[in-house]
Amino acid sequence: MKTEIRKLLGSDRLIIGTDRVLKSVRKGDVAKVILASNAPTHLQEQLRRYKELGAAFEVEQAEMPNDELGTLCKKPFSIAVIAIRA
């Protein structure tokens, strides 16, 4: 998973941040969502609700917490969720 994220860092296929990811999920632009191991429960529930409503995307739980995910994405802040565009 780490190598997949690193490869996508320079491209426009990687979506970083809760608001941007949820907006893209609603539009149907997302193929895969990656959650940090300590992502907020309400975020997980919201994504589950979208899947129940028929949104076609895969959800993967990362083995790293949000601060590590932020470091992997070369950002100076924590990241709870990222997505990969379809």
PDB file of N, CA and C in Angstrom:
ATOM      1  N   MET A   1       0.821  -1.188   0.000  1.00  0.00           N
ATOM      2  CA  MET A   1       0.000   0.000   0.000  1.00  0.00           C
ATOM      3  C   MET A   1       0.868   1.257   0.000  1.00  0.00           C
ATOM      4  N   LYS A   2       1.950   1.255   0.770  1.00  0.00           N
ATOM      5  CA  LYS A   2       2.819   2.429   0.843  1.00  0.00           C
ATOM      6  C   LYS A   2       3.416   2.770  -0.512  1.00  0.00           C
ATOM      7  N   THR A   3       3.837   1.748  -1.249  1.00  0.00           N
ATOM      8  CA  THR A   3       4.434   2.010  -2.559  1.00  0.00           C
ATOM      9  C   THR A   3       3.381   2.538  -3.531  1.00  0.00           C
ATOM     10  N   GLU A   4       2.156   2.047  -3.424  1.00  0.00           N
ATOM     11  CA  GLU A   4       1.072   2.527  -4.277  1.00  0.00           C
ATOM     12  C   GLU A   4       0.813   4.017  -4.024  1.00  0.00           C
ATOM     13  N   ILE A   5       0.802   4.409  -2.759  1.00  0.00           N
ATOM     14  CA  ILE A   5       0.577   5.820  -2.404  1.00  0.00           C
ATOM     15  C   ILE A   5       1.743   6.673  -2.889  1.00  0.00           C
ATOM     16  N   ARG A   6       2.965   6.198  -2.689  1.00  0.00           N
ATOM     17  CA  ARG A   6       4.137   6.961  -3.126  1.00  0.00           C
ATOM     18  C   ARG A   6       4.128   7.200  -4.629  1.00  0.00           C
ATOM     19  N   LYS A   7       3.709   6.191  -5.406  1.00  0.00           N
ATOM     20  CA  LYS A   7       3.658   6.330  -6.859  1.00  0.00           C
ATOM     21  C   LYS A   7       2.640   7.387  -7.285  1.00  0.00           C
ATOM     22  N   LEU A   8       1.553   7.503  -6.532  1.00  0.00           N
ATOM     23  CA  LEU A   8       0.472   8.421  -6.901  1.00  0.00           C
ATOM     24  C   LEU A   8       0.659   9.839  -6.373  1.00  0.00           C
ATOM     25  N   LEU A   9       1.663  10.073  -5.557  1.00  0.00           N
ATOM     26  CA  LEU A   9       1.844  11.382  -4.934  1.00  0.00           C
ATOM     27  C   LEU A   9       1.929  12.527  -5.934  1.00  0.00           C
ATOM     28  N   GLY A  10       2.629  12.370  -7.003  1.00  0.00           N
ATOM     29  CA  GLY A  10       2.783  13.447  -7.968  1.00  0.00           C
ATOM     30  C   GLY A  10       1.637  13.590  -8.944  1.00  0.00           C
ATOM     31  N   SER A  11       0.743  12.613  -8.969  1.00  0.00           N
ATOM     32  CA  SER A  11      -0.338  12.632  -9.959  1.00  0.00           C
ATOM     33  C   SER A  11      -1.592  13.312  -9.404  1.00  0.00           C
ATOM     34  N   ASP A  12      -2.534  13.551 -10.292  1.00  0.00           N
ATOM     35  CA  ASP A  12      -3.802  14.144  -9.870  1.00  0.00           C
ATOM     36  C   ASP A  12      -4.830  13.081  -9.483  1.00  0.00           C
ATOM     37  N   ARG A  13      -4.429  11.830  -9.455  1.00  0.00           N
ATOM     38  CA  ARG A  13      -5.341  10.738  -9.092  1.00  0.00           C
ATOM     39  C   ARG A  13      -5.515  10.596  -7.586  1.00  0.00           C
ATOM     40  N   LEU A  14      -4.616  11.168  -6.794  1.00  0.00           N
ATOM     41  CA  LEU A  14      -4.669  11.046  -5.341  1.00  0.00           C
ATOM     42  C   LEU A  14      -5.464  12.206  -4.746  1.00  0.00           C
ATOM     43  N   ILE A  15      -6.454  11.885  -3.944  1.00  0.00           N
ATOM     44  CA  ILE A  15      -7.290  12.890  -3.276  1.00  0.00           C
ATOM     45  C   ILE A  15      -6.984  12.813  -1.783  1.00  0.00           C
ATOM     46  N   ILE A  16      -6.608  13.927  -1.195  1.00  0.00           N
ATOM     47  CA  ILE A  16      -6.220  13.959   0.211  1.00  0.00           C
ATOM     48  C   ILE A  16      -7.207  14.823   0.992  1.00  0.00           C
ATOM     49  N   GLY A  17      -7.682  14.292   2.121  1.00  0.00           N
ATOM     50  CA  GLY A  17      -8.537  15.062   3.017  1.00  0.00           C
ATOM     51  C   GLY A  17      -9.978  14.593   3.027  1.00  0.00           C
ATOM     52  N   THR A  18     -10.578  14.692   4.183  1.00  0.00           N
ATOM     53  CA  THR A  18     -11.937  14.197   4.397  1.00  0.00           C
ATOM     54  C   THR A  18     -12.951  14.865   3.483  1.00  0.00           C
ATOM     55  N   ASP A  19     -12.970  16.189   3.452  1.00  0.00           N
ATOM     56  CA  ASP A  19     -13.977  16.901   2.661  1.00  0.00           C
ATOM     57  C   ASP A  19     -13.851  16.585   1.178  1.00  0.00           C
ATOM     58  N   ARG A  20     -12.639  16.618   0.661  1.00  0.00           N
ATOM     59  CA  ARG A  20     -12.424  16.356  -0.772  1.00  0.00           C
ATOM     60  C   ARG A  20     -12.768  14.906  -1.123  1.00  0.00           C
ATOM     61  N   VAL A  21     -12.410  13.972  -0.233  1.00  0.00           N
ATOM     62  CA  VAL A  21     -12.709  12.559  -0.489  1.00  0.00           C
ATOM     63  C   VAL A  21     -14.216  12.325  -0.497  1.00  0.00           C
ATOM     64  N   LEU A  22     -14.918  12.854   0.502  1.00  0.00           N
ATOM     65  CA  LEU A  22     -16.369  12.643   0.567  1.00  0.00           C
ATOM     66  C   LEU A  22     -17.079  13.273  -0.626  1.00  0.00           C
ATOM     67  N   LYS A  23     -16.622  14.442  -1.054  1.00  0.00           N
ATOM     68  CA  LYS A  23     -17.216  15.092  -2.217  1.00  0.00           C
ATOM     69  C   LYS A  23     -17.009  14.240  -3.474  1.00  0.00           C
ATOM     70  N   SER A  24     -15.821  13.685  -3.627  1.00  0.00           N
ATOM     71  CA  SER A  24     -15.527  12.837  -4.784  1.00  0.00           C
ATOM     72  C   SER A  24     -16.307  11.525  -4.735  1.00  0.00           C
ATOM     73  N   VAL A  25     -16.511  10.989  -3.531  1.00  0.00           N
ATOM     74  CA  VAL A  25     -17.303   9.754  -3.380  1.00  0.00           C
ATOM     75  C   VAL A  25     -18.738  10.021  -3.814  1.00  0.00           C
ATOM     76  N   ARG A  26     -19.289  11.161  -3.400  1.00  0.00           N
ATOM     77  CA  ARG A  26     -20.659  11.503  -3.791  1.00  0.00           C
ATOM     78  C   ARG A  26     -20.785  11.641  -5.301  1.00  0.00           C
ATOM     79  N   LYS A  27     -19.749  12.158  -5.953  1.00  0.00           N
ATOM     80  CA  LYS A  27     -19.763  12.309  -7.414  1.00  0.00           C
ATOM     81  C   LYS A  27     -19.566  10.980  -8.132  1.00  0.00           C
ATOM     82  N   GLY A  28     -18.996   9.988  -7.435  1.00  0.00           N
ATOM     83  CA  GLY A  28     -18.723   8.690  -8.054  1.00  0.00           C
ATOM     84  C   GLY A  28     -17.376   8.641  -8.750  1.00  0.00           C
ATOM     85  N   ASP A  29     -16.467   9.518  -8.363  1.00  0.00           N
ATOM     86  CA  ASP A  29     -15.149   9.608  -9.000  1.00  0.00           C
ATOM     87  C   ASP A  29     -14.083   8.739  -8.339  1.00  0.00           C
ATOM     88  N   VAL A  30     -14.426   7.991  -7.314  1.00  0.00           N
ATOM     89  CA  VAL A  30     -13.431   7.289  -6.505  1.00  0.00           C
ATOM     90  C   VAL A  30     -13.458   5.790  -6.761  1.00  0.00           C
ATOM     91  N   ALA A  31     -12.261   5.208  -6.916  1.00  0.00           N
ATOM     92  CA  ALA A  31     -12.143   3.762  -7.072  1.00  0.00           C
ATOM     93  C   ALA A  31     -11.787   3.096  -5.745  1.00  0.00           C
ATOM     94  N   LYS A  32     -10.987   3.800  -4.922  1.00  0.00           N
ATOM     95  CA  LYS A  32     -10.507   3.209  -3.675  1.00  0.00           C
ATOM     96  C   LYS A  32     -10.335   4.288  -2.617  1.00  0.00           C
ATOM     97  N   VAL A  33     -10.738   3.968  -1.393  1.00  0.00           N
ATOM     98  CA  VAL A  33     -10.571   4.860  -0.248  1.00  0.00           C
ATOM     99  C   VAL A  33      -9.657   4.166   0.745  1.00  0.00           C
ATOM    100  N   ILE A  34      -8.667   4.895   1.247  1.00  0.00           N
ATOM    101  CA  ILE A  34      -7.740   4.351   2.238  1.00  0.00           C
ATOM    102  C   ILE A  34      -7.897   5.160   3.518  1.00  0.00           C
ATOM    103  N   LEU A  35      -8.274   4.461   4.593  1.00  0.00           N
ATOM    104  CA  LEU A  35      -8.488   5.081   5.902  1.00  0.00           C
ATOM    105  C   LEU A  35      -7.284   4.843   6.802  1.00  0.00           C
ATOM    106  N   ALA A  36      -6.917   5.840   7.586  1.00  0.00           N
ATOM    107  CA  ALA A  36      -5.886   5.661   8.591  1.00  0.00           C
ATOM    108  C   ALA A  36      -6.426   4.715   9.663  1.00  0.00           C
ATOM    109  N   SER A  37      -5.530   4.070  10.388  1.00  0.00           N
ATOM    110  CA  SER A  37      -5.965   3.099  11.396  1.00  0.00           C
ATOM    111  C   SER A  37      -6.772   3.752  12.513  1.00  0.00           C
ATOM    112  N   ASN A  38      -6.554   5.045  12.748  1.00  0.00           N
ATOM    113  CA  ASN A  38      -7.293   5.738  13.793  1.00  0.00           C
ATOM    114  C   ASN A  38      -8.225   6.804  13.208  1.00  0.00           C
ATOM    115  N   ALA A  39      -8.767   6.531  12.036  1.00  0.00           N
ATOM    116  CA  ALA A  39      -9.724   7.455  11.405  1.00  0.00           C
ATOM    117  C   ALA A  39     -10.964   7.577  12.282  1.00  0.00           C
ATOM    118  N   PRO A  40     -11.577   8.762  12.319  1.00  0.00           N
ATOM    119  CA  PRO A  40     -12.767   8.946  13.154  1.00  0.00           C
ATOM    120  C   PRO A  40     -13.899   7.991  12.782  1.00  0.00           C
ATOM    121  N   THR A  41     -14.616   7.563  13.774  1.00  0.00           N
ATOM    122  CA  THR A  41     -15.712   6.614  13.577  1.00  0.00           C
ATOM    123  C   THR A  41     -16.795   7.189  12.676  1.00  0.00           C
ATOM    124  N   HIS A  42     -17.107   8.481  12.843  1.00  0.00           N
ATOM    125  CA  HIS A  42     -18.159   9.086  12.022  1.00  0.00           C
ATOM    126  C   HIS A  42     -17.784   9.077  10.542  1.00  0.00           C
ATOM    127  N   LEU A  43     -16.511   9.179  10.224  1.00  0.00           N
ATOM    128  CA  LEU A  43     -16.054   9.118   8.839  1.00  0.00           C
ATOM    129  C   LEU A  43     -16.253   7.709   8.277  1.00  0.00           C
ATOM    130  N   GLN A  44     -15.904   6.710   9.063  1.00  0.00           N
ATOM    131  CA  GLN A  44     -16.086   5.325   8.635  1.00  0.00           C
ATOM    132  C   GLN A  44     -17.567   5.019   8.399  1.00  0.00           C
ATOM    133  N   GLU A  45     -18.423   5.527   9.283  1.00  0.00           N
ATOM    134  CA  GLU A  45     -19.860   5.313   9.146  1.00  0.00           C
ATOM    135  C   GLU A  45     -20.412   6.012   7.907  1.00  0.00           C
ATOM    136  N   GLN A  46     -19.900   7.212   7.630  1.00  0.00           N
ATOM    137  CA  GLN A  46     -20.349   7.949   6.455  1.00  0.00           C
ATOM    138  C   GLN A  46     -19.978   7.216   5.172  1.00  0.00           C
ATOM    139  N   LEU A  47     -18.764   6.678   5.113  1.00  0.00           N
ATOM    140  CA  LEU A  47     -18.338   5.914   3.938  1.00  0.00           C
ATOM    141  C   LEU A  47     -19.157   4.638   3.787  1.00  0.00           C
ATOM    142  N   ARG A  48     -19.444   3.975   4.904  1.00  0.00           N
ATOM    143  CA  ARG A  48     -20.264   2.770   4.867  1.00  0.00           C
ATOM    144  C   ARG A  48     -21.661   3.091   4.337  1.00  0.00           C
ATOM    145  N   ARG A  49     -22.208   4.228   4.737  1.00  0.00           N
ATOM    146  CA  ARG A  49     -23.525   4.646   4.271  1.00  0.00           C
ATOM    147  C   ARG A  49     -23.533   4.862   2.757  1.00  0.00           C
ATOM    148  N   TYR A  50     -22.484   5.507   2.229  1.00  0.00           N
ATOM    149  CA  TYR A  50     -22.398   5.718   0.782  1.00  0.00           C
ATOM    150  C   TYR A  50     -22.311   4.387   0.040  1.00  0.00           C
ATOM    151  N   LYS A  51     -21.585   3.419   0.603  1.00  0.00           N
ATOM    152  CA  LYS A  51     -21.498   2.099  -0.031  1.00  0.00           C
ATOM    153  C   LYS A  51     -22.870   1.422  -0.041  1.00  0.00           C
ATOM    154  N   GLU A  52     -23.618   1.567   1.048  1.00  0.00           N
ATOM    155  CA  GLU A  52     -24.955   0.984   1.122  1.00  0.00           C
ATOM    156  C   GLU A  52     -25.898   1.610   0.099  1.00  0.00           C
ATOM    157  N   LEU A  53     -25.657   2.879  -0.216  1.00  0.00           N
ATOM    158  CA  LEU A  53     -26.496   3.576  -1.198  1.00  0.00           C
ATOM    159  C   LEU A  53     -26.094   3.269  -2.637  1.00  0.00           C
ATOM    160  N   GLY A  54     -25.064   2.437  -2.796  1.00  0.00           N
ATOM    161  CA  GLY A  54     -24.713   1.978  -4.131  1.00  0.00           C
ATOM    162  C   GLY A  54     -23.447   2.567  -4.724  1.00  0.00           C
ATOM    163  N   ALA A  55     -22.705   3.334  -3.965  1.00  0.00           N
ATOM    164  CA  ALA A  55     -21.447   3.883  -4.480  1.00  0.00           C
ATOM    165  C   ALA A  55     -20.458   2.732  -4.682  1.00  0.00           C
ATOM    166  N   ALA A  56     -19.786   2.741  -5.815  1.00  0.00           N
ATOM    167  CA  ALA A  56     -18.881   1.644  -6.171  1.00  0.00           C
ATOM    168  C   ALA A  56     -17.432   2.046  -5.926  1.00  0.00           C
ATOM    169  N   PHE A  57     -16.962   1.780  -4.730  1.00  0.00           N
ATOM    170  CA  PHE A  57     -15.562   2.016  -4.396  1.00  0.00           C
ATOM    171  C   PHE A  57     -15.130   1.010  -3.341  1.00  0.00           C
ATOM    172  N   GLU A  58     -13.851   0.780  -3.278  1.00  0.00           N
ATOM    173  CA  GLU A  58     -13.274  -0.167  -2.332  1.00  0.00           C
ATOM    174  C   GLU A  58     -12.751   0.614  -1.128  1.00  0.00           C
ATOM    175  N   VAL A  59     -12.935   0.080   0.071  1.00  0.00           N
ATOM    176  CA  VAL A  59     -12.415   0.716   1.287  1.00  0.00           C
ATOM    177  C   VAL A  59     -11.320  -0.168   1.849  1.00  0.00           C
ATOM    178  N   GLU A  60     -10.183   0.438   2.131  1.00  0.00           N
ATOM    179  CA  GLU A  60      -9.056  -0.294   2.693  1.00  0.00           C
ATOM    180  C   GLU A  60      -8.601   0.405   3.967  1.00  0.00           C
ATOM    181  N   GLN A  61      -8.390  -0.365   5.001  1.00  0.00           N
ATOM    182  CA  GLN A  61      -7.917   0.166   6.284  1.00  0.00           C
ATOM    183  C   GLN A  61      -6.385   0.096   6.287  1.00  0.00           C
ATOM    184  N   ALA A  62      -5.741   1.233   6.428  1.00  0.00           N
ATOM    185  CA  ALA A  62      -4.279   1.270   6.476  1.00  0.00           C
ATOM    186  C   ALA A  62      -3.798   0.781   7.835  1.00  0.00           C
ATOM    187  N   GLU A  63      -2.586   0.291   7.869  1.00  0.00           N
ATOM    188  CA  GLU A  63      -2.005  -0.193   9.124  1.00  0.00           C
ATOM    189  C   GLU A  63      -1.274   0.920   9.859  1.00  0.00           C
ATOM    190  N   MET A  64      -1.387   2.151   9.370  1.00  0.00           N
ATOM    191  CA  MET A  64      -0.671   3.270   9.983  1.00  0.00           C
ATOM    192  C   MET A  64      -1.666   4.313  10.485  1.00  0.00           C
ATOM    193  N   PRO A  65      -1.310   5.012  11.573  1.00  0.00           N
ATOM    194  CA  PRO A  65      -2.180   6.073  12.091  1.00  0.00           C
ATOM    195  C   PRO A  65      -2.149   7.311  11.188  1.00  0.00           C
ATOM    196  N   ASN A  66      -3.012   8.265  11.481  1.00  0.00           N
ATOM    197  CA  ASN A  66      -3.159   9.433  10.620  1.00  0.00           C
ATOM    198  C   ASN A  66      -1.900  10.303  10.532  1.00  0.00           C
ATOM    199  N   ASP A  67      -1.113  10.386  11.583  1.00  0.00           N
ATOM    200  CA  ASP A  67       0.109  11.196  11.513  1.00  0.00           C
ATOM    201  C   ASP A  67       1.143  10.555  10.588  1.00  0.00           C
ATOM    202  N   GLU A  68       1.213   9.233  10.594  1.00  0.00           N
ATOM    203  CA  GLU A  68       2.123   8.511   9.699  1.00  0.00           C
ATOM    204  C   GLU A  68       1.657   8.621   8.243  1.00  0.00           C
ATOM    205  N   LEU A  69       0.354   8.582   8.039  1.00  0.00           N
ATOM    206  CA  LEU A  69      -0.197   8.725   6.692  1.00  0.00           C
ATOM    207  C   LEU A  69       0.116  10.121   6.152  1.00  0.00           C
ATOM    208  N   GLY A  70       0.042  11.121   7.001  1.00  0.00           N
ATOM    209  CA  GLY A  70       0.402  12.479   6.597  1.00  0.00           C
ATOM    210  C   GLY A  70       1.862  12.580   6.205  1.00  0.00           C
ATOM    211  N   THR A  71       2.734  11.938   6.951  1.00  0.00           N
ATOM    212  CA  THR A  71       4.163  11.931   6.641  1.00  0.00           C
ATOM    213  C   THR A  71       4.414  11.208   5.323  1.00  0.00           C
ATOM    214  N   LEU A  72       3.744  10.095   5.102  1.00  0.00           N
ATOM    215  CA  LEU A  72       3.896   9.339   3.861  1.00  0.00           C
ATOM    216  C   LEU A  72       3.483  10.173   2.653  1.00  0.00           C
ATOM    217  N   CYS A  73       2.446  10.998   2.829  1.00  0.00           N
ATOM    218  CA  CYS A  73       1.970  11.862   1.743  1.00  0.00           C
ATOM    219  C   CYS A  73       2.755  13.174   1.674  1.00  0.00           C
ATOM    220  N   LYS A  74       3.812  13.281   2.465  1.00  0.00           N
ATOM    221  CA  LYS A  74       4.691  14.458   2.484  1.00  0.00           C
ATOM    222  C   LYS A  74       3.942  15.729   2.864  1.00  0.00           C
ATOM    223  N   LYS A  75       3.072  15.613   3.863  1.00  0.00           N
ATOM    224  CA  LYS A  75       2.316  16.751   4.365  1.00  0.00           C
ATOM    225  C   LYS A  75       2.696  16.985   5.828  1.00  0.00           C
ATOM    226  N   PRO A  76       2.707  18.237   6.281  1.00  0.00           N
ATOM    227  CA  PRO A  76       3.085  18.535   7.668  1.00  0.00           C
ATOM    228  C   PRO A  76       1.922  18.403   8.662  1.00  0.00           C
ATOM    229  N   PHE A  77       0.884  17.656   8.284  1.00  0.00           N
ATOM    230  CA  PHE A  77      -0.274  17.487   9.148  1.00  0.00           C
ATOM    231  C   PHE A  77      -0.798  16.058   9.020  1.00  0.00           C
ATOM    232  N   SER A  78      -1.678  15.688   9.932  1.00  0.00           N
ATOM    233  CA  SER A  78      -2.262  14.346   9.923  1.00  0.00           C
ATOM    234  C   SER A  78      -3.317  14.228   8.822  1.00  0.00           C
ATOM    235  N   ILE A  79      -3.413  13.037   8.258  1.00  0.00           N
ATOM    236  CA  ILE A  79      -4.403  12.768   7.220  1.00  0.00           C
ATOM    237  C   ILE A  79      -5.187  11.521   7.614  1.00  0.00           C
ATOM    238  N   ALA A  80      -6.497  11.665   7.741  1.00  0.00           N
ATOM    239  CA  ALA A  80      -7.336  10.549   8.159  1.00  0.00           C
ATOM    240  C   ALA A  80      -7.753   9.665   6.993  1.00  0.00           C
ATOM    241  N   VAL A  81      -7.877  10.257   5.812  1.00  0.00           N
ATOM    242  CA  VAL A  81      -8.386   9.511   4.659  1.00  0.00           C
ATOM    243  C   VAL A  81      -7.803  10.064   3.364  1.00  0.00           C
ATOM    244  N   ILE A  82      -7.505   9.141   2.447  1.00  0.00           N
ATOM    245  CA  ILE A  82      -7.115   9.506   1.087  1.00  0.00           C
ATOM    246  C   ILE A  82      -7.907   8.621   0.132  1.00  0.00           C
ATOM    247  N   ALA A  83      -7.990   9.049  -1.110  1.00  0.00           N
ATOM    248  CA  ALA A  83      -8.721   8.264  -2.103  1.00  0.00           C
ATOM    249  C   ALA A  83      -7.960   8.280  -3.411  1.00  0.00           C
ATOM    250  N   ILE A  84      -8.245   7.276  -4.228  1.00  0.00           N
ATOM    251  CA  ILE A  84      -7.664   7.170  -5.549  1.00  0.00           C
ATOM    252  C   ILE A  84      -8.793   7.281  -6.562  1.00  0.00           C
ATOM    253  N   ARG A  85      -8.647   8.217  -7.475  1.00  0.00           N
ATOM    254  CA  ARG A  85      -9.677   8.437  -8.509  1.00  0.00           C
ATOM    255  C   ARG A  85      -9.811   7.218  -9.410  1.00  0.00           C
ATOM    256  N   ALA A  86     -11.005   7.043  -9.914  1.00  0.00           N
ATOM    257  CA  ALA A  86     -11.278   5.937 -10.841  1.00  0.00           C
ATOM    258  C   ALA A  86     -10.636   6.183 -12.190  1.00  0.00           C
TER     259      ALA A  86
END
